Amino acid sequence: MGGAFVVANVVALVLVALGVGLDGGAFLLTVIAPWLSLAGWPLWATRRRGNGAAIDLGLRLRAIDLGYGLLGGLAALAAGIVAGLITASVLGDFTSAAGDEALSLAETSSPAVLVIFALMVVLGAPIAEELTFRGLLWSGLSKGGRPVWVSIAVSTGAFALMHFEPVRLLVLVAIGGVLGIVRWRTASLGACIVAHAVNNLPGALGILALGFGSH
């Protein structure tokens, strides 16, 4: 997680130093680059120092995992909506970082950039984030003998805080908690990835609708 933070800032600084604006394709690069750490480290670590991602992280996808992933994704959406309503009742209307960036890209970038961004939201983010939070972090906590509730709580907290969106913290905690329960009940990281993708799908569709509606 620290590596992802460092990579993101280094890439941004290099682009700024080169006089490249942090929008369009450059913005996508600042998002994708940290995923090399988030997704790459768990895969490398389990390959070089463990038993492989399938055993150490539960990275598999069976038919039953698809079903649990779909149900978990719908449950995460419902939990996120409830948490969002609670947040709005206290803080007023709020937006997400992805939604704000989609509006910006819609005004300054081509439809192709928006399509890539939507794919990143619905596929890239679930894979990279689940490998880190419900993958390596979860497995490390579980193999250390911690109770399952500790694995759920710590992975959920890390997932929520790493988004750096304080106003959406309750929403992210609600979503992360459901994903943690999916990981616990299925022992499958594949089910978590599917659930995360289902949860992100409306946002990805919204990005496309906003983008193409402005062109």
Protein backbone atom coordinates (compact mmCIF):
# COMPACT_ATOMS: atom_id res chain seq x y z
CA MET A 1 0.00 0.00 0.00
CA GLY A 2 2.91 2.30 0.74
CA GLY A 3 4.41 1.40 -2.61
CA ALA A 4 1.21 2.37 -4.38
CA PHE A 5 1.21 5.76 -2.66
CA VAL A 6 4.86 6.39 -3.59
CA VAL A 7 4.40 5.27 -7.20
CA ALA A 8 1.36 7.51 -7.67
CA ASN A 9 3.18 10.57 -6.41
CA VAL A 10 6.38 9.87 -8.32
CA VAL A 11 4.48 9.43 -11.58
CA ALA A 12 2.52 12.64 -10.95
CA LEU A 13 5.70 14.59 -10.16
CA VAL A 14 7.43 13.29 -13.29
CA LEU A 15 4.49 14.26 -15.48
CA VAL A 16 4.35 17.73 -13.93
CA ALA A 17 8.10 18.14 -14.39
CA LEU A 18 7.69 17.22 -18.06
CA GLY A 19 4.95 19.80 -18.41
CA VAL A 20 2.23 17.22 -18.96
CA GLY A 21 -1.17 18.12 -17.56
CA LEU A 22 -2.69 15.60 -15.18
CA ASP A 23 -5.76 14.98 -17.28
CA GLY A 24 -6.85 12.58 -20.00
CA GLY A 25 -4.35 9.80 -20.64
CA ALA A 26 -1.90 11.24 -18.11
CA PHE A 27 -4.54 10.98 -15.38
CA LEU A 28 -5.21 7.37 -16.31
CA LEU A 29 -1.50 6.66 -15.98
CA THR A 30 -1.41 8.09 -12.45
CA VAL A 31 -4.23 5.68 -11.53
CA ILE A 32 -2.91 2.58 -13.28
CA ALA A 33 0.71 2.92 -12.13
CA PRO A 34 -0.03 2.38 -8.40
CA TRP A 35 -1.92 -0.78 -9.29
CA LEU A 36 1.42 -2.31 -10.31
CA SER A 37 2.19 -2.27 -6.59
CA LEU A 38 -1.28 -3.13 -5.29
CA ALA A 39 -1.73 -6.10 -7.62
CA GLY A 40 1.87 -6.94 -8.38
CA TRP A 41 3.22 -7.28 -4.87
CA PRO A 42 0.70 -9.92 -3.67
CA LEU A 43 1.23 -11.97 -6.84
CA TRP A 44 5.02 -11.69 -6.66
CA ALA A 45 5.19 -12.36 -2.92
CA THR A 46 3.05 -15.50 -3.06
CA ARG A 47 4.92 -16.78 -6.09
CA ARG A 48 8.42 -16.20 -4.70
CA ARG A 49 7.89 -16.69 -0.97
CA GLY A 50 4.67 -18.67 -0.65
CA ASN A 51 2.54 -21.33 -2.30
CA GLY A 52 1.07 -19.26 -5.10
CA ALA A 53 -1.92 -16.95 -5.26
CA ALA A 54 -4.50 -19.74 -5.50
CA ILE A 55 -3.45 -21.27 -2.18
CA ASP A 56 -2.21 -18.23 -0.27
CA LEU A 57 -4.79 -15.68 -1.43
CA GLY A 58 -7.74 -17.88 -2.37
CA LEU A 59 -7.50 -16.59 -5.96
CA ARG A 60 -9.90 -18.88 -7.79
CA LEU A 61 -13.21 -18.49 -9.55
CA ARG A 62 -15.70 -21.34 -9.49
CA ALA A 63 -19.28 -21.21 -10.66
CA ILE A 64 -20.45 -20.92 -7.05
CA ASP A 65 -18.06 -17.99 -6.55
CA LEU A 66 -19.79 -16.15 -9.39
CA GLY A 67 -23.11 -16.60 -7.65
CA TYR A 68 -21.82 -15.49 -4.27
CA GLY A 69 -20.01 -12.62 -5.95
CA LEU A 70 -23.21 -11.41 -7.60
CA LEU A 71 -25.17 -11.60 -4.35
CA GLY A 72 -22.31 -9.96 -2.44
CA GLY A 73 -22.09 -7.17 -4.98
CA LEU A 74 -25.81 -6.42 -4.69
CA ALA A 75 -25.51 -6.49 -0.90
CA ALA A 76 -22.53 -4.09 -1.08
CA LEU A 77 -24.54 -1.75 -3.30
CA ALA A 78 -27.42 -1.78 -0.81
CA ALA A 79 -25.09 -1.19 2.14
CA GLY A 80 -23.37 1.64 0.28
CA ILE A 81 -26.69 3.29 -0.53
CA VAL A 82 -27.82 3.17 3.09
CA ALA A 83 -24.46 4.54 4.27
CA GLY A 84 -24.67 7.24 1.61
CA LEU A 85 -28.12 8.32 2.78
CA ILE A 86 -26.87 8.50 6.36
CA THR A 87 -23.84 10.55 5.29
CA ALA A 88 -25.98 12.90 3.20
CA SER A 89 -28.37 13.44 6.10
CA VAL A 90 -25.43 14.63 8.21
CA LEU A 91 -23.10 16.33 5.74
CA GLY A 92 -25.41 17.16 2.85
CA ASP A 93 -24.96 16.17 -0.78
CA PHE A 94 -21.55 14.78 -1.72
CA THR A 95 -19.80 13.25 -4.71
CA SER A 96 -17.09 10.68 -5.30
CA ALA A 97 -13.59 11.26 -6.62
CA ALA A 98 -14.31 8.98 -9.58
CA GLY A 99 -17.50 10.86 -10.41
CA ASP A 100 -15.76 14.23 -10.23
CA GLU A 101 -12.96 12.98 -12.45
CA ALA A 102 -15.46 11.57 -14.93
CA LEU A 103 -17.07 15.00 -15.26
CA SER A 104 -13.66 16.55 -15.84
CA LEU A 105 -12.68 13.94 -18.42
CA ALA A 106 -16.00 14.36 -20.20
CA GLU A 107 -15.18 18.02 -20.78
CA THR A 108 -11.54 17.62 -21.79
CA SER A 109 -10.98 14.12 -23.19
CA SER A 110 -12.15 11.82 -25.96
CA PRO A 111 -14.80 9.11 -25.53
CA ALA A 112 -12.00 6.50 -25.74
CA VAL A 113 -10.45 7.86 -22.54
CA LEU A 114 -13.83 7.61 -20.80
CA VAL A 115 -14.27 4.02 -21.94
CA ILE A 116 -10.85 3.13 -20.54
CA PHE A 117 -11.67 4.91 -17.28
CA ALA A 118 -14.96 3.02 -16.98
CA LEU A 119 -13.16 -0.30 -17.56
CA MET A 120 -10.64 0.66 -14.89
CA VAL A 121 -13.47 1.30 -12.43
CA VAL A 122 -15.34 -1.94 -13.11
CA LEU A 123 -12.38 -4.29 -13.70
CA GLY A 124 -9.03 -2.75 -12.78
CA ALA A 125 -9.95 -1.41 -9.35
CA PRO A 126 -11.67 -4.60 -8.14
CA ILE A 127 -8.73 -6.79 -9.18
CA ALA A 128 -5.97 -4.56 -7.79
CA GLU A 129 -7.74 -3.64 -4.56
CA GLU A 130 -9.00 -7.13 -3.76
CA LEU A 131 -5.55 -8.65 -4.28
CA THR A 132 -4.26 -6.22 -1.66
CA PHE A 133 -7.04 -5.94 0.94
CA ARG A 134 -8.97 -9.22 0.85
CA GLY A 135 -5.95 -11.02 -0.61
CA LEU A 136 -2.52 -10.45 0.91
CA LEU A 137 -3.61 -8.38 3.93
CA TRP A 138 -6.48 -10.75 4.78
CA SER A 139 -4.32 -13.85 4.38
CA GLY A 140 -1.51 -12.40 6.46
CA LEU A 141 -3.90 -11.61 9.30
CA SER A 142 -5.62 -14.99 9.09
CA LYS A 143 -2.39 -16.98 9.02
CA GLY A 144 -1.20 -14.97 12.01
CA GLY A 145 -3.98 -16.57 14.01
CA ARG A 146 -6.21 -13.48 14.32
CA PRO A 147 -9.98 -13.97 14.70
CA VAL A 148 -11.98 -13.52 11.51
CA TRP A 149 -13.54 -10.30 12.77
CA VAL A 150 -10.06 -8.78 12.99
CA SER A 151 -9.39 -9.69 9.36
CA ILE A 152 -12.71 -8.13 8.33
CA ALA A 153 -12.18 -4.98 10.41
CA VAL A 154 -8.55 -4.32 9.43
CA SER A 155 -9.00 -5.06 5.73
CA THR A 156 -12.14 -2.91 5.67
CA GLY A 157 -10.44 -0.02 7.45
CA ALA A 158 -7.41 -0.14 5.17
CA PHE A 159 -9.65 -0.34 2.09
CA ALA A 160 -11.67 2.69 3.20
CA LEU A 161 -8.70 4.84 4.23
CA MET A 162 -6.68 4.12 1.07
CA HIS A 163 -9.33 5.85 -1.04
CA PHE A 164 -8.49 9.20 0.63
CA GLU A 165 -12.14 10.34 0.53
CA PRO A 166 -13.09 11.33 4.10
CA VAL A 167 -16.64 12.33 3.18
CA ARG A 168 -17.29 8.84 1.75
CA LEU A 169 -15.64 6.99 4.62
CA LEU A 170 -18.87 5.47 5.95
CA VAL A 171 -19.86 4.35 2.44
CA LEU A 172 -16.49 2.72 1.88
CA VAL A 173 -16.59 1.02 5.29
CA ALA A 174 -20.04 -0.39 4.51
CA ILE A 175 -18.92 -1.71 1.13
CA GLY A 176 -15.64 -3.07 2.50
CA GLY A 177 -17.44 -4.79 5.35
CA VAL A 178 -19.71 -6.67 2.95
CA LEU A 179 -16.72 -7.65 0.81
CA GLY A 180 -15.00 -8.93 3.93
CA ILE A 181 -18.01 -11.07 4.76
CA VAL A 182 -17.94 -12.48 1.21
CA ARG A 183 -14.27 -13.36 1.67
CA TRP A 184 -15.01 -15.04 4.99
CA ARG A 185 -17.99 -17.05 3.83
CA THR A 186 -16.52 -18.19 0.49
CA ALA A 187 -12.77 -18.30 1.22
CA SER A 188 -12.54 -17.13 -2.39
CA LEU A 189 -10.85 -13.96 -3.58
CA GLY A 190 -12.51 -14.50 -6.95
CA ALA A 191 -15.93 -14.06 -5.33
CA CYS A 192 -14.72 -10.79 -3.78
CA ILE A 193 -13.49 -9.51 -7.15
CA VAL A 194 -16.84 -10.29 -8.75
CA ALA A 195 -18.71 -8.63 -5.87
CA HIS A 196 -16.49 -5.55 -6.08
CA ALA A 197 -17.05 -5.37 -9.86
CA VAL A 198 -20.82 -5.62 -9.42
CA ASN A 199 -20.69 -2.86 -6.82
CA ASN A 200 -18.68 -0.63 -9.18
CA LEU A 201 -20.76 -1.37 -12.28
CA PRO A 202 -23.36 1.39 -11.78
CA GLY A 203 -20.55 3.89 -11.34
CA ALA A 204 -18.85 2.71 -14.51
CA LEU A 205 -22.11 2.98 -16.45
CA GLY A 206 -22.60 6.44 -14.99
CA ILE A 207 -19.14 7.46 -16.21
CA LEU A 208 -20.03 6.35 -19.74
CA ALA A 209 -23.40 8.10 -19.61
CA LEU A 210 -21.88 11.35 -18.38
CA GLY A 211 -19.09 11.18 -20.90
CA PHE A 212 -21.01 10.34 -24.02
CA GLY A 213 -23.82 12.65 -23.04
CA SER A 214 -21.40 15.57 -23.22
CA HIS A 215 -20.02 14.75 -26.67
